[in-house]
Protein backbone atom coordinates (compact mmCIF):
# COMPACT_ATOMS: atom_id res chain seq x y z
CA MET A 1 -4.79 -3.88 21.00
CA ARG A 2 -1.95 -0.77 19.71
CA PHE A 3 0.18 -4.30 20.50
CA ILE A 4 -1.41 -7.17 18.98
CA ILE A 5 -1.76 -4.17 15.20
CA THR A 6 2.33 -3.67 16.14
CA PHE A 7 2.99 -6.74 16.97
CA ILE A 8 1.33 -7.31 12.36
CA PHE A 9 2.88 -5.17 11.77
CA LEU A 10 5.78 -5.99 12.53
CA PHE A 11 5.33 -10.07 11.96
CA THR A 12 4.11 -9.15 8.22
CA TYR A 13 6.92 -6.97 7.96
CA SER A 14 9.59 -9.48 8.36
CA LEU A 15 8.13 -11.34 5.73
CA VAL A 16 9.12 -9.44 2.37
CA SER A 17 11.08 -6.97 1.59
CA GLU A 18 10.92 -3.37 -0.55
CA ALA A 19 13.47 -3.49 -1.73
CA THR A 20 12.40 -1.00 -4.30
CA ASP A 21 11.38 2.52 -4.79
CA ILE A 22 8.23 1.36 -6.78
CA LYS A 23 4.18 1.70 -5.66
CA ASN A 24 3.12 -1.20 -4.15
CA LEU A 25 6.11 -3.60 -4.99
CA VAL A 26 6.17 -5.63 -2.21
CA ILE A 27 9.22 -8.39 -2.58
CA ASN A 28 9.51 -11.13 -0.74
CA LYS A 29 12.64 -12.36 1.95
CA ASP A 30 10.98 -15.98 1.13
CA LEU A 31 10.33 -17.47 -2.61
CA LYS A 32 7.48 -19.05 -2.10
CA LYS A 33 6.22 -22.77 -3.71
CA TYR A 34 2.44 -23.87 -4.15
CA ASP A 35 1.47 -26.76 -5.39
CA THR A 36 -1.28 -26.37 -7.34
CA LEU A 37 -1.94 -23.32 -9.25
CA THR A 38 -5.38 -23.69 -11.94
CA PHE A 39 -7.77 -21.39 -13.15
CA LEU A 40 -9.80 -21.69 -16.20
CA ASP A 41 -9.40 -20.31 -19.24
CA ALA A 42 -12.80 -17.97 -21.97
CA LYS A 43 -13.98 -21.67 -22.43
CA ASN A 44 -14.42 -22.77 -19.24
CA ASN A 45 -10.28 -25.33 -19.57
CA GLN A 46 -8.04 -25.45 -17.18
CA ILE A 47 -4.84 -24.04 -17.44
CA ASN A 48 -2.43 -25.16 -15.06
CA LEU A 49 0.92 -23.20 -14.15
CA ASN A 50 3.29 -25.96 -14.75
CA GLU A 51 3.44 -25.62 -17.96
CA TYR A 52 4.65 -22.07 -18.23
CA LYS A 53 7.79 -22.97 -16.39
CA GLY A 54 10.96 -21.61 -17.64
CA ASN A 55 8.81 -18.06 -18.00
CA LEU A 56 8.02 -15.20 -15.61
CA ILE A 57 4.86 -14.84 -15.07
CA LEU A 58 2.76 -12.54 -13.31
CA LEU A 59 -1.03 -13.24 -12.24
CA ASN A 60 -3.24 -9.99 -12.60
CA PHE A 61 -6.80 -10.41 -9.66
CA TRP A 62 -9.12 -8.09 -10.54
CA ALA A 63 -12.57 -7.27 -11.87
CA THR A 64 -14.92 -5.50 -14.17
CA TRP A 65 -16.23 -3.24 -10.95
CA CYS A 66 -13.70 -2.78 -9.74
CA ALA A 67 -12.16 0.70 -10.83
CA PRO A 68 -8.09 0.91 -9.91
CA CYS A 69 -8.32 -2.58 -12.59
CA LYS A 70 -10.18 -1.19 -14.94
CA LYS A 71 -7.62 1.51 -14.44
CA GLU A 72 -4.18 -0.38 -15.19
CA MET A 73 -5.71 -2.97 -17.92
CA PRO A 74 -4.13 -0.75 -20.77
CA SER A 75 -1.05 -0.46 -18.62
CA LEU A 76 -0.93 -4.47 -18.51
CA ASP A 77 -1.60 -5.12 -21.70
CA LEU A 78 0.94 -3.72 -23.17
CA LEU A 79 3.41 -5.36 -21.46
CA GLN A 80 2.23 -8.19 -22.34
CA ILE A 81 3.95 -7.24 -25.99
CA ASN A 82 6.77 -5.47 -24.23
CA LYS A 83 10.04 -7.05 -26.86
CA ASP A 84 12.48 -7.16 -23.87
CA LEU A 85 9.99 -9.21 -21.14
CA ASN A 86 9.41 -11.79 -23.84
CA ASN A 87 9.97 -14.29 -21.40
CA LEU A 88 6.87 -12.82 -19.48
CA LYS A 89 3.08 -14.52 -19.55
CA VAL A 90 0.62 -12.54 -18.12
CA PHE A 91 -2.19 -14.39 -16.94
CA PRO A 92 -5.44 -11.77 -16.08
CA ILE A 93 -8.01 -13.18 -14.02
CA ASN A 94 -11.36 -12.27 -13.51
CA ILE A 95 -12.15 -12.83 -9.46
CA GLY A 96 -16.14 -10.89 -10.20
CA ARG A 97 -18.10 -13.67 -10.96
CA ASP A 98 -18.36 -12.14 -14.17
CA ASN A 99 -19.82 -13.96 -17.56
CA TYR A 100 -17.37 -14.44 -20.24
CA GLU A 101 -19.28 -11.54 -22.04
CA LYS A 102 -19.66 -8.87 -19.81
CA THR A 103 -15.73 -10.04 -19.12
CA LYS A 104 -14.68 -9.83 -23.36
CA ILE A 105 -17.11 -6.48 -23.68
CA PHE A 106 -13.97 -5.30 -20.90
CA PHE A 107 -11.46 -6.05 -22.87
CA GLN A 108 -13.60 -3.89 -25.61
CA ASN A 109 -14.05 -1.44 -24.25
CA LEU A 110 -10.63 -0.64 -23.10
CA ASN A 111 -9.63 -1.55 -25.97
CA ILE A 112 -7.21 -4.80 -24.63
CA LYS A 113 -6.04 -6.58 -27.22
CA ASN A 114 -3.09 -8.89 -26.49
CA LEU A 115 -4.32 -10.51 -23.08
CA GLU A 116 -6.34 -13.44 -23.36
CA ILE A 117 -9.35 -13.43 -20.79
CA TYR A 118 -8.84 -15.56 -17.79
CA PHE A 119 -11.42 -17.03 -14.94
CA ASP A 120 -11.01 -18.14 -11.09
CA SER A 121 -11.29 -22.06 -10.77
CA PRO A 122 -13.99 -23.40 -8.79
CA ASP A 123 -10.25 -23.98 -6.14
CA THR A 124 -10.06 -20.60 -6.02
CA LEU A 125 -6.43 -19.61 -6.42
CA ALA A 126 -7.75 -15.67 -4.46
CA LYS A 127 -7.74 -17.20 -1.78
CA LYS A 128 -4.66 -20.11 -2.38
CA PHE A 129 -2.73 -16.69 -2.81
CA GLY A 130 -4.85 -14.76 -0.12
CA LEU A 131 -5.58 -12.05 -1.80
CA ARG A 132 -6.88 -9.20 0.30
CA GLY A 133 -7.86 -7.36 -2.51
CA ILE A 134 -7.52 -5.70 -6.13
CA PRO A 135 -6.72 -5.60 -8.01
CA THR A 136 -3.20 -7.61 -6.90
CA SER A 137 -0.65 -9.49 -9.27
CA ILE A 138 1.23 -11.79 -8.44
CA LEU A 139 5.12 -12.36 -9.33
CA ILE A 140 6.01 -15.98 -10.40
CA ASN A 141 9.35 -16.65 -11.65
CA LYS A 142 11.10 -18.88 -14.11
CA ASP A 143 11.12 -22.22 -11.41
CA GLY A 144 8.08 -21.61 -10.57
CA TYR A 145 8.37 -19.75 -7.41
CA GLU A 146 6.33 -16.47 -6.12
CA PHE A 147 9.37 -13.82 -5.72
CA ALA A 148 6.97 -10.69 -5.77
CA ARG A 149 2.69 -8.78 -5.83
CA ILE A 150 2.05 -5.50 -6.69
CA ILE A 151 -0.77 -4.94 -4.38
CA GLY A 152 -3.06 -2.31 -5.71
CA SER A 153 -2.99 -1.00 -8.82
CA ILE A 154 0.45 -0.30 -10.99
CA ASP A 155 1.28 1.69 -14.21
CA PHE A 156 2.68 -1.01 -15.59
CA GLN A 157 3.93 0.67 -18.57
CA ASP A 158 6.14 2.21 -15.45
CA LYS A 159 9.95 2.25 -15.84
CA LYS A 160 11.52 1.74 -12.70
CA PHE A 161 8.64 -2.00 -13.14
CA LEU A 162 9.98 -2.56 -16.34
CA LYS A 163 13.89 -2.73 -16.02
CA TRP A 164 13.52 -4.61 -12.75
CA LEU A 165 10.94 -7.21 -13.50
CA SER A 166 13.44 -6.80 -16.86
CA ASN A 167 16.62 -8.82 -14.06
CA TYR A 168 14.01 -11.35 -13.40
CA ASN A 169 13.66 -12.11 -17.16
């Protein structure tokens, strides 16, 4: 059993490189390309990420019942309006199966003003990305490749994180 656990750890570690000392940030050794990435806006319209090529994209997967999600959401809201990251588009995607009203109240209670409401599609991006928990944020470069993820919560206003992210803007 120890051998299997050690093997899984080493295999997983070989796929990623933690080149920074930023908590919860995992940088992919190899860029990952996904065919179609779609999710829903607040009016149930399908959003296709291919329409945002040329932008740095942050997909943040969260739910209203998730305490760490609630903690990080205000800093994510501020990230969207960071003037040094003017090419960044943040998509907070609710995967908690909450309706629009509950999600809207969640945003209002946290004073979220700069983010729009999005929901996971029936094709579930959460499955496509192999999420193991929330919050999880996927970072996609201007060419449409996943280059990093944040597993767990983070302060999106952390100076080290902002400096690192500005290298991709």
